[in-house]
Amino acid sequence: MKSHAPDPALLFKAETLAEALPYLQRYAGATFVVKYGGHAMGDADAAEDFAEDVVLLKHVGINPIVVHGGGPQIGAALKAQGIESRFVNGLRVTDKATMKVAEMVLSGAINKEIVSWIAAEGGRAVGISGKDGRLVTVRKVQSEDDLGFVGEPDDIDTRILDTISKAGMIPVVAPIGVGPDGETYNINADTMAGALAIATGAERLFLLTDVAGVLDKDKNLLSDLTPVEIAQLRVEGVITGGMIPKLETCIDAVEGGVDAAVILDGRVPHAMLIEIFTKEGAGTLVRLA
């Protein structure tokens, strides 16, 4: 069952933060991993709402860890340099030239932009990638077609995240890791967020994207799902395409010890707060039972 906290108006219309604190502090000390991606990243109002929410969570004692995507931005940068993008099963084939551009975009422009959004809302954030402090060591993704420098998390050392969070700051993590050979690898941002949620013992994993959540055959939002129900919906052909890997990440997270994982529409103002602190929620929540 979802939270039975009062109406979100108490959060958004409170004259002072103190009035909202009793509802927010229920998660004090918990870790929330938030994957921020989709077209919401390109919307100034949505970015401001997102930064406000992350800063508020930190202010009341929750430890947010932000993991961001950047596929469209990487594609645009590659196109500008005359480098063609090719995908296999939704993953970008990444040679050395592509990897160099991807790291520049992810660890540079996007990462620091999110840090600046958080700073503008009164928070303190530190932008890093999975290479920093050897946060994420990867193994190469195996595929019939060689994907190049595309990896998936193999080992996670959370000490750099712990240090940043304990210093009162918010880690903003680019989905880049290092292989055992010292090479740099690109990582799917959803996969990265799920792995960090498990490694940090997070209470919640949020996948903020540009869809409302999981829809049934009549296009109605499914607010609560279990792995068993997800499997049945896949058999019925209700869940298809890009939603499959997102839900696989959610299942891996809850089976790895995360209390719940949620797919949310990042374009909805204050979607995270609505999901956490209201009965109705705002997306699709996945739990073991």
Protein backbone atom coordinates (compact mmCIF):
# COMPACT_ATOMS: atom_id res chain seq x y z
CA MET A 1 0.00 0.00 0.00
CA LYS A 2 1.14 3.54 -0.69
CA SER A 3 1.57 6.32 1.83
CA HIS A 4 -1.57 7.67 3.50
CA ALA A 5 -0.12 11.13 4.11
CA PRO A 6 -2.46 14.11 3.85
CA ASP A 7 -3.37 15.93 0.67
CA PRO A 8 -0.39 17.40 -1.25
CA ALA A 9 -1.86 20.85 -0.76
CA LEU A 10 -0.42 20.70 2.75
CA LEU A 11 3.02 20.39 1.19
CA PHE A 12 2.69 22.90 -1.61
CA LYS A 13 0.52 25.51 0.08
CA ALA A 14 2.10 25.48 3.53
CA GLU A 15 3.11 28.99 4.54
CA THR A 16 6.30 27.69 6.07
CA LEU A 17 8.43 24.61 5.60
CA ALA A 18 7.85 23.77 9.27
CA GLU A 19 4.22 22.92 8.50
CA ALA A 20 5.34 20.31 5.97
CA LEU A 21 8.13 18.82 8.06
CA PRO A 22 6.00 16.22 9.96
CA TYR A 23 5.10 14.60 6.64
CA LEU A 24 8.57 14.78 5.18
CA GLN A 25 10.55 13.65 8.21
CA ARG A 26 9.01 10.19 8.19
CA TYR A 27 11.83 9.27 5.79
CA ALA A 28 14.60 11.13 7.65
CA GLY A 29 17.88 9.27 7.26
CA ALA A 30 16.71 7.27 4.25
CA THR A 31 18.46 7.25 0.88
CA PHE A 32 16.49 7.96 -2.30
CA VAL A 33 18.11 7.32 -5.68
CA VAL A 34 16.59 9.45 -8.41
CA LYS A 35 17.19 8.86 -12.11
CA TYR A 36 16.43 12.04 -14.02
CA GLY A 37 15.98 11.74 -17.74
CA GLY A 38 13.63 11.97 -20.69
CA HIS A 39 12.49 15.17 -22.34
CA ALA A 40 11.72 16.63 -18.90
CA MET A 41 15.43 17.45 -18.72
CA GLY A 42 14.95 20.02 -21.46
CA ASP A 43 12.05 21.85 -19.81
CA ALA A 44 13.09 24.80 -17.64
CA ASP A 45 10.02 24.70 -15.38
CA ALA A 46 10.30 20.93 -14.86
CA ALA A 47 14.00 21.30 -14.08
CA GLU A 48 13.23 23.96 -11.46
CA ASP A 49 10.56 21.77 -9.83
CA PHE A 50 12.93 18.81 -9.83
CA ALA A 51 15.72 20.81 -8.18
CA GLU A 52 13.31 22.23 -5.59
CA ASP A 53 12.16 18.73 -4.66
CA VAL A 54 15.69 17.34 -4.36
CA VAL A 55 16.78 20.27 -2.17
CA LEU A 56 13.70 19.89 0.02
CA LEU A 57 14.37 16.17 0.51
CA LYS A 58 17.93 16.91 1.59
CA HIS A 59 16.76 19.69 3.90
CA VAL A 60 14.53 17.34 5.90
CA GLY A 61 17.19 14.66 6.36
CA ILE A 62 16.67 12.41 3.35
CA ASN A 63 19.79 11.62 1.32
CA PRO A 64 18.99 11.98 -2.41
CA ILE A 65 21.41 10.63 -5.00
CA VAL A 66 20.75 11.88 -8.53
CA VAL A 67 21.69 9.82 -11.58
CA HIS A 68 21.05 11.49 -14.92
CA GLY A 69 20.70 10.39 -18.51
CA GLY A 70 21.51 12.34 -21.64
CA GLY A 71 20.80 10.25 -24.73
CA PRO A 72 19.25 13.05 -26.82
CA GLN A 73 22.05 15.45 -25.92
CA ILE A 74 24.69 12.87 -26.83
CA GLY A 75 22.93 12.26 -30.15
CA ALA A 76 22.90 15.98 -30.93
CA ALA A 77 26.58 16.36 -30.06
CA LEU A 78 27.53 13.37 -32.21
CA LYS A 79 25.51 14.72 -35.12
CA ALA A 80 27.23 18.10 -34.81
CA GLN A 81 30.59 16.34 -35.14
CA GLY A 82 29.44 14.21 -38.06
CA ILE A 83 29.46 10.96 -36.09
CA GLU A 84 26.61 8.60 -36.92
CA SER A 85 24.68 6.95 -34.07
CA ARG A 86 23.72 3.29 -34.30
CA PHE A 87 21.61 1.36 -31.80
CA VAL A 88 21.24 -2.33 -30.98
CA ASN A 89 18.34 -3.29 -28.70
CA GLY A 90 18.08 0.28 -27.51
CA LEU A 91 21.78 0.61 -26.64
CA ARG A 92 24.04 3.00 -28.51
CA VAL A 93 26.98 1.32 -30.21
CA THR A 94 29.92 3.16 -28.65
CA ASP A 95 33.34 3.25 -30.28
CA LYS A 96 36.19 5.34 -28.87
CA ALA A 97 35.13 8.51 -30.69
CA THR A 98 31.54 8.14 -29.52
CA MET A 99 32.64 7.40 -25.97
CA LYS A 100 34.75 10.55 -25.89
CA VAL A 101 31.74 12.66 -26.91
CA ALA A 102 29.39 10.83 -24.52
CA GLU A 103 31.71 11.45 -21.57
CA MET A 104 32.09 15.10 -22.49
CA VAL A 105 28.31 15.58 -22.63
CA LEU A 106 27.39 13.46 -19.61
CA SER A 107 30.19 14.28 -17.16
CA GLY A 108 30.51 17.84 -18.43
CA ALA A 109 27.58 19.84 -19.74
CA ILE A 110 24.61 17.89 -18.33
CA ASN A 111 26.14 16.99 -14.99
CA LYS A 112 27.20 20.53 -14.19
CA GLU A 113 23.90 21.97 -15.39
CA ILE A 114 22.00 19.83 -12.88
CA VAL A 115 24.46 20.87 -10.16
CA SER A 116 23.72 24.49 -11.03
CA TRP A 117 19.93 23.91 -10.91
CA ILE A 118 20.27 22.53 -7.39
CA ALA A 119 22.49 25.43 -6.34
CA ALA A 120 19.93 27.90 -7.68
CA GLU A 121 17.36 26.40 -5.28
CA GLY A 122 19.64 26.73 -2.27
CA GLY A 123 21.18 23.26 -2.27
CA ARG A 124 24.76 22.09 -2.51
CA ALA A 125 25.57 19.42 -5.05
CA VAL A 126 28.73 17.70 -6.29
CA GLY A 127 28.89 16.39 -9.83
CA ILE A 128 30.78 13.14 -10.33
CA SER A 129 30.77 10.12 -12.62
CA GLY A 130 31.14 6.45 -11.86
CA LYS A 131 34.85 6.82 -12.58
CA ASP A 132 35.40 9.10 -9.59
CA GLY A 133 36.67 7.18 -6.58
CA ARG A 134 36.12 4.03 -8.69
CA LEU A 135 32.48 4.34 -7.74
CA VAL A 136 31.41 1.96 -10.52
CA THR A 137 33.58 -0.72 -12.07
CA VAL A 138 31.88 -2.21 -15.09
CA ARG A 139 31.86 -5.32 -17.18
CA LYS A 140 31.40 -5.04 -20.91
CA VAL A 141 27.86 -5.73 -22.12
CA GLN A 142 27.88 -8.92 -24.13
CA SER A 143 25.82 -8.95 -27.32
CA GLU A 144 25.73 -10.72 -30.65
CA ASP A 145 26.69 -7.36 -32.13
CA ASP A 146 29.71 -5.79 -30.47
CA LEU A 147 28.45 -2.64 -28.71
CA GLY A 148 31.90 -1.30 -28.05
CA PHE A 149 32.39 0.62 -24.81
CA VAL A 150 28.98 -0.11 -23.27
CA GLY A 151 29.12 -1.55 -19.78
CA GLU A 152 26.98 -2.57 -16.86
CA PRO A 153 27.86 -2.21 -13.17
CA ASP A 154 29.95 -5.07 -11.82
CA ASP A 155 31.28 -3.62 -8.56
CA ILE A 156 30.22 -0.49 -6.66
CA ASP A 157 32.25 1.29 -4.00
CA THR A 158 29.88 3.73 -2.30
CA ARG A 159 32.47 5.55 -0.19
CA ILE A 160 32.51 8.66 -2.36
CA LEU A 161 28.69 8.86 -2.21
CA ASP A 162 28.78 8.41 1.57
CA THR A 163 31.36 11.17 1.93
CA ILE A 164 29.40 13.63 -0.18
CA SER A 165 26.08 12.89 1.55
CA LYS A 166 27.55 13.09 5.05
CA ALA A 167 29.03 16.49 4.16
CA GLY A 168 25.50 17.77 3.58
CA MET A 169 25.74 17.73 -0.19
CA ILE A 170 23.86 15.95 -2.98
CA PRO A 171 25.75 13.62 -5.34
CA VAL A 172 24.88 14.06 -9.03
CA VAL A 173 26.20 11.06 -10.91
CA ALA A 174 26.89 10.73 -14.64
CA PRO A 175 26.39 7.16 -15.95
CA ILE A 176 30.01 6.52 -16.84
CA GLY A 177 32.17 3.77 -15.37
CA VAL A 178 35.61 2.28 -15.65
CA GLY A 179 36.45 -1.23 -16.80
CA PRO A 180 39.06 -3.55 -15.30
CA ASP A 181 41.28 -2.55 -18.21
CA GLY A 182 41.03 1.12 -17.24
CA GLU A 183 38.90 1.99 -20.27
CA THR A 184 35.87 4.26 -19.96
CA TYR A 185 32.41 2.77 -20.53
CA ASN A 186 28.96 4.22 -21.05
CA ILE A 187 26.20 2.78 -18.82
CA ASN A 188 22.44 2.90 -19.29
CA ALA A 189 21.26 5.50 -16.75
CA ASP A 190 18.32 3.40 -15.50
CA THR A 191 20.65 0.45 -14.94
CA MET A 192 23.15 2.69 -13.15
CA ALA A 193 20.47 4.11 -10.86
CA GLY A 194 19.14 0.68 -9.98
CA ALA A 195 22.59 -0.64 -9.16
CA LEU A 196 23.36 2.37 -6.95
CA ALA A 197 20.01 1.98 -5.16
CA ILE A 198 20.87 -1.61 -4.26
CA ALA A 199 24.44 -0.79 -3.24
CA THR A 200 23.44 2.12 -1.00
CA GLY A 201 20.51 0.29 0.62
CA ALA A 202 18.12 2.92 -0.71
CA GLU A 203 14.55 3.08 0.52
CA ARG A 204 13.29 4.30 -2.87
CA LEU A 205 14.35 4.26 -6.49
CA PHE A 206 12.66 6.86 -8.71
CA LEU A 207 12.89 6.66 -12.49
CA LEU A 208 11.78 10.10 -13.72
CA THR A 209 11.07 10.02 -17.41
CA ASP A 210 8.60 11.44 -19.95
CA VAL A 211 5.78 8.91 -19.59
CA ALA A 212 3.06 8.74 -16.94
CA GLY A 213 4.04 5.24 -15.81
CA VAL A 214 2.79 1.78 -16.78
CA LEU A 215 -0.56 1.82 -18.57
CA ASP A 216 -3.07 -1.02 -18.87
CA LYS A 217 -4.65 -2.09 -22.18
CA ASP A 218 -7.19 0.75 -21.87
CA LYS A 219 -4.41 3.31 -21.30
CA ASN A 220 -5.20 3.75 -17.61
CA LEU A 221 -2.30 4.22 -15.19
CA LEU A 222 -1.41 1.16 -13.10
CA SER A 223 -0.39 2.64 -9.76
CA ASP A 224 0.90 -0.53 -8.04
CA LEU A 225 2.58 -3.61 -9.51
CA THR A 226 4.47 -6.67 -8.29
CA PRO A 227 7.04 -8.65 -10.29
CA VAL A 228 4.46 -11.41 -10.79
CA GLU A 229 1.93 -8.94 -12.19
CA ILE A 230 4.57 -7.40 -14.44
CA ALA A 231 5.43 -10.83 -15.86
CA GLN A 232 1.76 -11.46 -16.64
CA LEU A 233 1.37 -8.07 -18.34
CA ARG A 234 4.37 -8.86 -20.53
CA VAL A 235 2.83 -12.17 -21.55
CA GLU A 236 -0.38 -10.35 -22.44
CA GLY A 237 1.54 -7.83 -24.54
CA VAL A 238 0.47 -4.89 -22.38
CA ILE A 239 4.05 -3.99 -21.47
CA THR A 240 6.29 -3.57 -24.51
CA GLY A 241 9.19 -1.58 -25.90
CA GLY A 242 11.19 0.77 -23.73
CA MET A 243 9.04 0.14 -20.67
CA ILE A 244 10.40 -3.42 -20.38
CA PRO A 245 13.98 -2.51 -19.40
CA LYS A 246 12.70 0.16 -16.98
CA LEU A 247 10.54 -2.40 -15.20
CA GLU A 248 13.38 -4.93 -15.23
CA THR A 249 15.47 -2.30 -13.41
CA CYS A 250 12.65 -1.82 -10.88
CA ILE A 251 12.36 -5.57 -10.30
CA ASP A 252 16.11 -5.97 -9.87
CA ALA A 253 16.07 -3.12 -7.34
CA VAL A 254 13.26 -4.46 -5.14
CA GLU A 255 14.65 -7.98 -5.32
CA GLY A 256 18.01 -6.47 -4.29
CA GLY A 257 16.56 -4.95 -1.13
CA VAL A 258 15.12 -1.58 -2.19
CA ASP A 259 11.73 -1.11 -0.51
CA ALA A 260 10.03 0.23 -3.65
CA ALA A 261 10.81 1.51 -7.13
CA VAL A 262 8.68 4.03 -8.99
CA ILE A 263 8.35 5.09 -12.63
CA LEU A 264 7.25 8.74 -12.70
CA ASP A 265 6.49 11.42 -15.27
CA GLY A 266 9.16 14.04 -14.66
CA ARG A 267 7.05 16.63 -16.51
CA VAL A 268 4.46 16.62 -13.71
CA PRO A 269 5.20 19.41 -11.20
CA HIS A 270 6.61 17.98 -7.95
CA ALA A 271 5.94 14.41 -9.09
CA MET A 272 8.30 12.92 -6.50
CA LEU A 273 6.65 14.68 -3.57
CA ILE A 274 3.20 13.70 -4.78
CA GLU A 275 4.30 10.07 -5.09
CA ILE A 276 5.96 9.94 -1.69
CA PHE A 277 3.55 11.85 0.45
CA THR A 278 0.06 11.26 -0.94
CA LYS A 279 -2.27 8.27 -0.98
CA GLU A 280 -2.89 8.42 -4.73
CA GLY A 281 0.73 8.81 -5.77
CA ALA A 282 1.80 9.99 -9.21
CA GLY A 283 3.25 7.01 -11.07
CA THR A 284 3.68 3.24 -11.06
CA LEU A 285 5.11 1.81 -7.84
CA VAL A 286 6.79 -1.62 -7.89
CA ARG A 287 7.11 -3.70 -4.71
CA LEU A 288 7.67 -7.40 -4.07
CA ALA A 289 4.15 -7.77 -2.65
